[in-house]
Amino acid sequence: MKNLKNIINDSKNIKYLPIFLLLISIVIFLYGLIMLFMALYANIKASGEKSIIYFKDISLSEDYEAYKQKIKNMNSENFFG
């Protein structure tokens, strides 16, 4: 702890403090950006089962009408799981 106080109190090293703080703040900022993009990016891994509400399985339908017909043809047991 005394070494840390000596380093901080040393006038030669005090000129590097703004650069050090800038680098730390840039690292924290980049980490925040990475976490933001990871939260916004949809994680769509297949569960192995066909789903009517899973994005990838919905996109496999030719169009909206085909998807709507697939839902209408399901019985309640298949629909609710």
PDB file of N, CA and C in Angstrom:
ATOM      1  N   MET A   1       0.824  -1.189   0.000  1.00  0.00           N
ATOM      2  CA  MET A   1       0.000   0.000   0.000  1.00  0.00           C
ATOM      3  C   MET A   1       0.871   1.257   0.000  1.00  0.00           C
ATOM      4  N   LYS A   2       1.990   1.189   0.706  1.00  0.00           N
ATOM      5  CA  LYS A   2       2.878   2.349   0.742  1.00  0.00           C
ATOM      6  C   LYS A   2       3.485   2.610  -0.632  1.00  0.00           C
ATOM      7  N   ASN A   3       3.772   1.525  -1.370  1.00  0.00           N
ATOM      8  CA  ASN A   3       4.310   1.689  -2.722  1.00  0.00           C
ATOM      9  C   ASN A   3       3.324   2.418  -3.616  1.00  0.00           C
ATOM     10  N   LEU A   4       2.043   2.083  -3.465  1.00  0.00           N
ATOM     11  CA  LEU A   4       1.011   2.737  -4.265  1.00  0.00           C
ATOM     12  C   LEU A   4       0.939   4.219  -3.937  1.00  0.00           C
ATOM     13  N   LYS A   5       1.017   4.551  -2.653  1.00  0.00           N
ATOM     14  CA  LYS A   5       1.005   5.966  -2.249  1.00  0.00           C
ATOM     15  C   LYS A   5       2.238   6.688  -2.783  1.00  0.00           C
ATOM     16  N   ASN A   6       3.383   6.018  -2.752  1.00  0.00           N
ATOM     17  CA  ASN A   6       4.609   6.628  -3.271  1.00  0.00           C
ATOM     18  C   ASN A   6       4.510   6.867  -4.776  1.00  0.00           C
ATOM     19  N   ILE A   7       3.919   5.915  -5.491  1.00  0.00           N
ATOM     20  CA  ILE A   7       3.766   6.073  -6.939  1.00  0.00           C
ATOM     21  C   ILE A   7       2.834   7.237  -7.242  1.00  0.00           C
ATOM     22  N   ILE A   8       1.728   7.326  -6.487  1.00  0.00           N
ATOM     23  CA  ILE A   8       0.769   8.409  -6.719  1.00  0.00           C
ATOM     24  C   ILE A   8       1.377   9.755  -6.356  1.00  0.00           C
ATOM     25  N   ASN A   9       2.127   9.811  -5.266  1.00  0.00           N
ATOM     26  CA  ASN A   9       2.712  11.077  -4.816  1.00  0.00           C
ATOM     27  C   ASN A   9       3.915  11.505  -5.649  1.00  0.00           C
ATOM     28  N   ASP A  10       4.506  10.599  -6.369  1.00  0.00           N
ATOM     29  CA  ASP A  10       5.672  10.923  -7.185  1.00  0.00           C
ATOM     30  C   ASP A  10       5.238  11.812  -8.347  1.00  0.00           C
ATOM     31  N   SER A  11       5.824  12.977  -8.471  1.00  0.00           N
ATOM     32  CA  SER A  11       5.419  13.941  -9.501  1.00  0.00           C
ATOM     33  C   SER A  11       5.753  13.463 -10.913  1.00  0.00           C
ATOM     34  N   LYS A  12       6.692  12.548 -11.052  1.00  0.00           N
ATOM     35  CA  LYS A  12       7.031  12.037 -12.380  1.00  0.00           C
ATOM     36  C   LYS A  12       5.901  11.172 -12.934  1.00  0.00           C
ATOM     37  N   ASN A  13       5.243  10.426 -12.075  1.00  0.00           N
ATOM     38  CA  ASN A  13       4.203   9.505 -12.516  1.00  0.00           C
ATOM     39  C   ASN A  13       2.828  10.156 -12.624  1.00  0.00           C
ATOM     40  N   ILE A  14       2.644  11.303 -12.015  1.00  0.00           N
ATOM     41  CA  ILE A  14       1.325  11.939 -12.016  1.00  0.00           C
ATOM     42  C   ILE A  14       0.914  12.377 -13.422  1.00  0.00           C
ATOM     43  N   LYS A  15       1.866  12.620 -14.297  1.00  0.00           N
ATOM     44  CA  LYS A  15       1.520  13.032 -15.660  1.00  0.00           C
ATOM     45  C   LYS A  15       0.905  11.890 -16.472  1.00  0.00           C
ATOM     46  N   TYR A  16       1.108  10.649 -16.023  1.00  0.00           N
ATOM     47  CA  TYR A  16       0.536   9.498 -16.722  1.00  0.00           C
ATOM     48  C   TYR A  16      -0.867   9.145 -16.231  1.00  0.00           C
ATOM     49  N   LEU A  17      -1.315   9.775 -15.152  1.00  0.00           N
ATOM     50  CA  LEU A  17      -2.626   9.471 -14.588  1.00  0.00           C
ATOM     51  C   LEU A  17      -3.767   9.748 -15.566  1.00  0.00           C
ATOM     52  N   PRO A  18      -3.812  10.896 -16.260  1.00  0.00           N
ATOM     53  CA  PRO A  18      -4.905  11.106 -17.225  1.00  0.00           C
ATOM     54  C   PRO A  18      -4.912  10.073 -18.357  1.00  0.00           C
ATOM     55  N   ILE A  19      -3.744   9.687 -18.825  1.00  0.00           N
ATOM     56  CA  ILE A  19      -3.665   8.682 -19.889  1.00  0.00           C
ATOM     57  C   ILE A  19      -4.175   7.340 -19.372  1.00  0.00           C
ATOM     58  N   PHE A  20      -3.781   6.991 -18.158  1.00  0.00           N
ATOM     59  CA  PHE A  20      -4.238   5.744 -17.550  1.00  0.00           C
ATOM     60  C   PHE A  20      -5.756   5.751 -17.370  1.00  0.00           C
ATOM     61  N   LEU A  21      -6.300   6.849 -16.873  1.00  0.00           N
ATOM     62  CA  LEU A  21      -7.748   6.952 -16.685  1.00  0.00           C
ATOM     63  C   LEU A  21      -8.484   6.924 -18.018  1.00  0.00           C
ATOM     64  N   LEU A  22      -7.905   7.543 -19.038  1.00  0.00           N
ATOM     65  CA  LEU A  22      -8.508   7.515 -20.369  1.00  0.00           C
ATOM     66  C   LEU A  22      -8.556   6.084 -20.908  1.00  0.00           C
ATOM     67  N   LEU A  23      -7.473   5.356 -20.763  1.00  0.00           N
ATOM     68  CA  LEU A  23      -7.439   3.970 -21.235  1.00  0.00           C
ATOM     69  C   LEU A  23      -8.448   3.098 -20.486  1.00  0.00           C
ATOM     70  N   ILE A  24      -8.541   3.289 -19.186  1.00  0.00           N
ATOM     71  CA  ILE A  24      -9.516   2.527 -18.397  1.00  0.00           C
ATOM     72  C   ILE A  24     -10.932   2.860 -18.845  1.00  0.00           C
ATOM     73  N   SER A  25     -11.220   4.140 -19.070  1.00  0.00           N
ATOM     74  CA  SER A  25     -12.574   4.526 -19.490  1.00  0.00           C
ATOM     75  C   SER A  25     -12.894   4.009 -20.894  1.00  0.00           C
ATOM     76  N   ILE A  26     -11.919   3.966 -21.785  1.00  0.00           N
ATOM     77  CA  ILE A  26     -12.141   3.421 -23.129  1.00  0.00           C
ATOM     78  C   ILE A  26     -12.443   1.926 -23.051  1.00  0.00           C
ATOM     79  N   VAL A  27     -11.716   1.210 -22.212  1.00  0.00           N
ATOM     80  CA  VAL A  27     -11.958  -0.227 -22.047  1.00  0.00           C
ATOM     81  C   VAL A  27     -13.362  -0.470 -21.500  1.00  0.00           C
ATOM     82  N   ILE A  28     -13.777   0.308 -20.505  1.00  0.00           N
ATOM     83  CA  ILE A  28     -15.121   0.156 -19.937  1.00  0.00           C
ATOM     84  C   ILE A  28     -16.179   0.498 -20.977  1.00  0.00           C
ATOM     85  N   PHE A  29     -15.946   1.542 -21.766  1.00  0.00           N
ATOM     86  CA  PHE A  29     -16.886   1.936 -22.819  1.00  0.00           C
ATOM     87  C   PHE A  29     -17.027   0.827 -23.867  1.00  0.00           C
ATOM     88  N   LEU A  30     -15.909   0.261 -24.315  1.00  0.00           N
ATOM     89  CA  LEU A  30     -15.958  -0.815 -25.309  1.00  0.00           C
ATOM     90  C   LEU A  30     -16.647  -2.058 -24.756  1.00  0.00           C
ATOM     91  N   TYR A  31     -16.395  -2.360 -23.501  1.00  0.00           N
ATOM     92  CA  TYR A  31     -17.078  -3.490 -22.864  1.00  0.00           C
ATOM     93  C   TYR A  31     -18.590  -3.247 -22.839  1.00  0.00           C
ATOM     94  N   GLY A  32     -19.003  -2.032 -22.527  1.00  0.00           N
ATOM     95  CA  GLY A  32     -20.422  -1.691 -22.528  1.00  0.00           C
ATOM     96  C   GLY A  32     -21.039  -1.817 -23.907  1.00  0.00           C
ATOM     97  N   LEU A  33     -20.325  -1.376 -24.940  1.00  0.00           N
ATOM     98  CA  LEU A  33     -20.828  -1.513 -26.309  1.00  0.00           C
ATOM     99  C   LEU A  33     -20.988  -2.981 -26.703  1.00  0.00           C
ATOM    100  N   ILE A  34     -20.020  -3.786 -26.352  1.00  0.00           N
ATOM    101  CA  ILE A  34     -20.094  -5.217 -26.670  1.00  0.00           C
ATOM    102  C   ILE A  34     -21.290  -5.852 -25.972  1.00  0.00           C
ATOM    103  N   MET A  35     -21.491  -5.521 -24.701  1.00  0.00           N
ATOM    104  CA  MET A  35     -22.633  -6.073 -23.961  1.00  0.00           C
ATOM    105  C   MET A  35     -23.956  -5.587 -24.552  1.00  0.00           C
ATOM    106  N   LEU A  36     -24.002  -4.333 -25.012  1.00  0.00           N
ATOM    107  CA  LEU A  36     -25.218  -3.799 -25.631  1.00  0.00           C
ATOM    108  C   LEU A  36     -25.554  -4.557 -26.904  1.00  0.00           C
ATOM    109  N   PHE A  37     -24.568  -4.763 -27.773  1.00  0.00           N
ATOM    110  CA  PHE A  37     -24.818  -5.481 -29.020  1.00  0.00           C
ATOM    111  C   PHE A  37     -25.166  -6.944 -28.768  1.00  0.00           C
ATOM    112  N   MET A  38     -24.594  -7.534 -27.744  1.00  0.00           N
ATOM    113  CA  MET A  38     -24.938  -8.917 -27.422  1.00  0.00           C
ATOM    114  C   MET A  38     -26.379  -9.015 -26.924  1.00  0.00           C
ATOM    115  N   ALA A  39     -26.843  -7.989 -26.227  1.00  0.00           N
ATOM    116  CA  ALA A  39     -28.227  -7.991 -25.749  1.00  0.00           C
ATOM    117  C   ALA A  39     -29.204  -7.747 -26.891  1.00  0.00           C
ATOM    118  N   LEU A  40     -28.810  -6.952 -27.871  1.00  0.00           N
ATOM    119  CA  LEU A  40     -29.702  -6.630 -28.974  1.00  0.00           C
ATOM    120  C   LEU A  40     -29.736  -7.718 -30.038  1.00  0.00           C
ATOM    121  N   TYR A  41     -28.667  -8.475 -30.169  1.00  0.00           N
ATOM    122  CA  TYR A  41     -28.581  -9.526 -31.176  1.00  0.00           C
ATOM    123  C   TYR A  41     -29.407 -10.721 -30.725  1.00  0.00           C
ATOM    124  N   ALA A  42     -30.328 -11.139 -31.562  1.00  0.00           N
ATOM    125  CA  ALA A  42     -31.202 -12.261 -31.203  1.00  0.00           C
ATOM    126  C   ALA A  42     -30.414 -13.561 -31.220  1.00  0.00           C
ATOM    127  N   ASN A  43     -30.496 -14.285 -30.152  1.00  0.00           N
ATOM    128  CA  ASN A  43     -29.818 -15.570 -30.037  1.00  0.00           C
ATOM    129  C   ASN A  43     -30.812 -16.653 -30.427  1.00  0.00           C
ATOM    130  N   ILE A  44     -30.738 -17.120 -31.672  1.00  0.00           N
ATOM    131  CA  ILE A  44     -31.737 -18.064 -32.170  1.00  0.00           C
ATOM    132  C   ILE A  44     -31.076 -19.406 -32.476  1.00  0.00           C
ATOM    133  N   LYS A  45     -30.947 -20.198 -31.453  1.00  0.00           N
ATOM    134  CA  LYS A  45     -30.422 -21.554 -31.624  1.00  0.00           C
ATOM    135  C   LYS A  45     -31.599 -22.517 -31.603  1.00  0.00           C
ATOM    136  N   ALA A  46     -31.586 -23.450 -32.499  1.00  0.00           N
ATOM    137  CA  ALA A  46     -32.692 -24.399 -32.605  1.00  0.00           C
ATOM    138  C   ALA A  46     -32.714 -25.330 -31.397  1.00  0.00           C
ATOM    139  N   SER A  47     -33.922 -25.584 -30.906  1.00  0.00           N
ATOM    140  CA  SER A  47     -34.075 -26.482 -29.762  1.00  0.00           C
ATOM    141  C   SER A  47     -34.205 -27.932 -30.204  1.00  0.00           C
ATOM    142  N   GLY A  48     -34.356 -28.163 -31.492  1.00  0.00           N
ATOM    143  CA  GLY A  48     -34.491 -29.514 -32.007  1.00  0.00           C
ATOM    144  C   GLY A  48     -35.925 -29.908 -32.275  1.00  0.00           C
ATOM    145  N   GLU A  49     -36.878 -29.146 -31.762  1.00  0.00           N
ATOM    146  CA  GLU A  49     -38.286 -29.439 -31.982  1.00  0.00           C
ATOM    147  C   GLU A  49     -38.875 -28.395 -32.921  1.00  0.00           C
ATOM    148  N   LYS A  50     -39.873 -28.806 -33.688  1.00  0.00           N
ATOM    149  CA  LYS A  50     -40.582 -27.853 -34.542  1.00  0.00           C
ATOM    150  C   LYS A  50     -41.434 -26.956 -33.655  1.00  0.00           C
ATOM    151  N   SER A  51     -41.451 -25.692 -33.964  1.00  0.00           N
ATOM    152  CA  SER A  51     -42.205 -24.743 -33.163  1.00  0.00           C
ATOM    153  C   SER A  51     -42.979 -23.814 -34.080  1.00  0.00           C
ATOM    154  N   ILE A  52     -44.163 -23.391 -33.629  1.00  0.00           N
ATOM    155  CA  ILE A  52     -44.932 -22.444 -34.439  1.00  0.00           C
ATOM    156  C   ILE A  52     -44.620 -21.008 -34.057  1.00  0.00           C
ATOM    157  N   ILE A  53     -43.919 -20.815 -32.947  1.00  0.00           N
ATOM    158  CA  ILE A  53     -43.606 -19.447 -32.534  1.00  0.00           C
ATOM    159  C   ILE A  53     -42.108 -19.156 -32.555  1.00  0.00           C
ATOM    160  N   TYR A  54     -41.298 -20.119 -32.889  1.00  0.00           N
ATOM    161  CA  TYR A  54     -39.856 -19.933 -32.956  1.00  0.00           C
ATOM    162  C   TYR A  54     -39.502 -19.262 -34.281  1.00  0.00           C
ATOM    163  N   PHE A  55     -38.693 -18.210 -34.231  1.00  0.00           N
ATOM    164  CA  PHE A  55     -38.408 -17.374 -35.398  1.00  0.00           C
ATOM    165  C   PHE A  55     -37.942 -18.167 -36.614  1.00  0.00           C
ATOM    166  N   LYS A  56     -37.012 -19.081 -36.391  1.00  0.00           N
ATOM    167  CA  LYS A  56     -36.449 -19.816 -37.522  1.00  0.00           C
ATOM    168  C   LYS A  56     -37.502 -20.686 -38.192  1.00  0.00           C
ATOM    169  N   ASP A  57     -38.336 -21.358 -37.388  1.00  0.00           N
ATOM    170  CA  ASP A  57     -39.377 -22.215 -37.959  1.00  0.00           C
ATOM    171  C   ASP A  57     -40.458 -21.398 -38.658  1.00  0.00           C
ATOM    172  N   ILE A  58     -40.753 -20.218 -38.161  1.00  0.00           N
ATOM    173  CA  ILE A  58     -41.719 -19.342 -38.835  1.00  0.00           C
ATOM    174  C   ILE A  58     -41.173 -18.926 -40.196  1.00  0.00           C
ATOM    175  N   SER A  59     -39.883 -18.611 -40.237  1.00  0.00           N
ATOM    176  CA  SER A  59     -39.294 -18.150 -41.498  1.00  0.00           C
ATOM    177  C   SER A  59     -39.225 -19.252 -42.549  1.00  0.00           C
ATOM    178  N   LEU A  60     -39.339 -20.515 -42.142  1.00  0.00           N
ATOM    179  CA  LEU A  60     -39.316 -21.612 -43.110  1.00  0.00           C
ATOM    180  C   LEU A  60     -40.622 -21.721 -43.888  1.00  0.00           C
ATOM    181  N   SER A  61     -41.683 -21.074 -43.407  1.00  0.00           N
ATOM    182  CA  SER A  61     -42.947 -21.058 -44.150  1.00  0.00           C
ATOM    183  C   SER A  61     -42.774 -20.218 -45.407  1.00  0.00           C
ATOM    184  N   GLU A  62     -43.509 -20.598 -46.467  1.00  0.00           N
ATOM    185  CA  GLU A  62     -43.357 -19.873 -47.733  1.00  0.00           C
ATOM    186  C   GLU A  62     -43.793 -18.414 -47.595  1.00  0.00           C
ATOM    187  N   ASP A  63     -44.931 -18.203 -46.949  1.00  0.00           N
ATOM    188  CA  ASP A  63     -45.451 -16.849 -46.764  1.00  0.00           C
ATOM    189  C   ASP A  63     -46.376 -16.848 -45.549  1.00  0.00           C
ATOM    190  N   TYR A  64     -46.991 -15.708 -45.302  1.00  0.00           N
ATOM    191  CA  TYR A  64     -47.860 -15.571 -44.137  1.00  0.00           C
ATOM    192  C   TYR A  64     -49.065 -16.498 -44.217  1.00  0.00           C
ATOM    193  N   GLU A  65     -49.630 -16.632 -45.393  1.00  0.00           N
ATOM    194  CA  GLU A  65     -50.818 -17.481 -45.548  1.00  0.00           C
ATOM    195  C   GLU A  65     -50.499 -18.943 -45.228  1.00  0.00           C
ATOM    196  N   ALA A  66     -49.341 -19.425 -45.656  1.00  0.00           N
ATOM    197  CA  ALA A  66     -48.940 -20.804 -45.356  1.00  0.00           C
ATOM    198  C   ALA A  66     -48.739 -20.989 -43.854  1.00  0.00           C
ATOM    199  N   TYR A  67     -48.148 -20.001 -43.216  1.00  0.00           N
ATOM    200  CA  TYR A  67     -47.950 -20.062 -41.765  1.00  0.00           C
ATOM    201  C   TYR A  67     -49.296 -20.048 -41.041  1.00  0.00           C
ATOM    202  N   LYS A  68     -50.201 -19.185 -41.490  1.00  0.00           N
ATOM    203  CA  LYS A  68     -51.531 -19.098 -40.886  1.00  0.00           C
ATOM    204  C   LYS A  68     -52.288 -20.417 -41.051  1.00  0.00           C
ATOM    205  N   GLN A  69     -52.164 -21.035 -42.213  1.00  0.00           N
ATOM    206  CA  GLN A  69     -52.827 -22.317 -42.466  1.00  0.00           C
ATOM    207  C   GLN A  69     -52.252 -23.412 -41.558  1.00  0.00           C
ATOM    208  N   LYS A  70     -50.942 -23.379 -41.345  1.00  0.00           N
ATOM    209  CA  LYS A  70     -50.303 -24.360 -40.470  1.00  0.00           C
ATOM    210  C   LYS A  70     -50.848 -24.241 -39.040  1.00  0.00           C
ATOM    211  N   ILE A  71     -51.074 -23.029 -38.584  1.00  0.00           N
ATOM    212  CA  ILE A  71     -51.617 -22.815 -37.244  1.00  0.00           C
ATOM    213  C   ILE A  71     -53.070 -23.275 -37.172  1.00  0.00           C
ATOM    214  N   LYS A  72     -53.852 -22.968 -38.197  1.00  0.00           N
ATOM    215  CA  LYS A  72     -55.266 -23.362 -38.204  1.00  0.00           C
ATOM    216  C   LYS A  72     -55.432 -24.881 -38.211  1.00  0.00           C
ATOM    217  N   ASN A  73     -54.512 -25.596 -38.839  1.00  0.00           N
ATOM    218  CA  ASN A  73     -54.612 -27.049 -38.948  1.00  0.00           C
ATOM    219  C   ASN A  73     -54.176 -27.787 -37.678  1.00  0.00           C
ATOM    220  N   MET A  74     -53.608 -27.079 -36.721  1.00  0.00           N
ATOM    221  CA  MET A  74     -53.143 -27.729 -35.496  1.00  0.00           C
ATOM    222  C   MET A  74     -54.311 -27.963 -34.546  1.00  0.00           C
ATOM    223  N   ASN A  75     -54.260 -29.095 -33.838  1.00  0.00           N
ATOM    224  CA  ASN A  75     -55.254 -29.309 -32.790  1.00  0.00           C
ATOM    225  C   ASN A  75     -54.747 -28.673 -31.495  1.00  0.00           C
ATOM    226  N   SER A  76     -55.593 -28.594 -30.485  1.00  0.00           N
ATOM    227  CA  SER A  76     -55.225 -27.885 -29.257  1.00  0.00           C
ATOM    228  C   SER A  76     -54.067 -28.565 -28.520  1.00  0.00           C
ATOM    229  N   GLU A  77     -53.961 -29.891 -28.620  1.00  0.00           N
ATOM    230  CA  GLU A  77     -52.865 -30.591 -27.948  1.00  0.00           C
ATOM    231  C   GLU A  77     -51.518 -30.202 -28.554  1.00  0.00           C
ATOM    232  N   ASN A  78     -51.446 -30.137 -29.872  1.00  0.00           N
ATOM    233  CA  ASN A  78     -50.207 -29.724 -30.533  1.00  0.00           C
ATOM    234  C   ASN A  78     -49.938 -28.239 -30.336  1.00  0.00           C
ATOM    235  N   PHE A  79     -51.001 -27.457 -30.299  1.00  0.00           N
ATOM    236  CA  PHE A  79     -50.841 -26.008 -30.188  1.00  0.00           C
ATOM    237  C   PHE A  79     -50.287 -25.613 -28.819  1.00  0.00           C
ATOM    238  N   PHE A  80     -50.792 -26.226 -27.756  1.00  0.00           N
ATOM    239  CA  PHE A  80     -50.381 -25.848 -26.406  1.00  0.00           C
ATOM    240  C   PHE A  80     -49.257 -26.710 -25.846  1.00  0.00           C
ATOM    241  N   GLY A  81     -48.789 -27.636 -26.619  1.00  0.00           N
ATOM    242  CA  GLY A  81     -47.585 -28.314 -26.230  1.00  0.00           C
ATOM    243  C   GLY A  81     -47.703 -29.676 -25.716  1.00  0.00           C
TER     244      GLY A  81
END
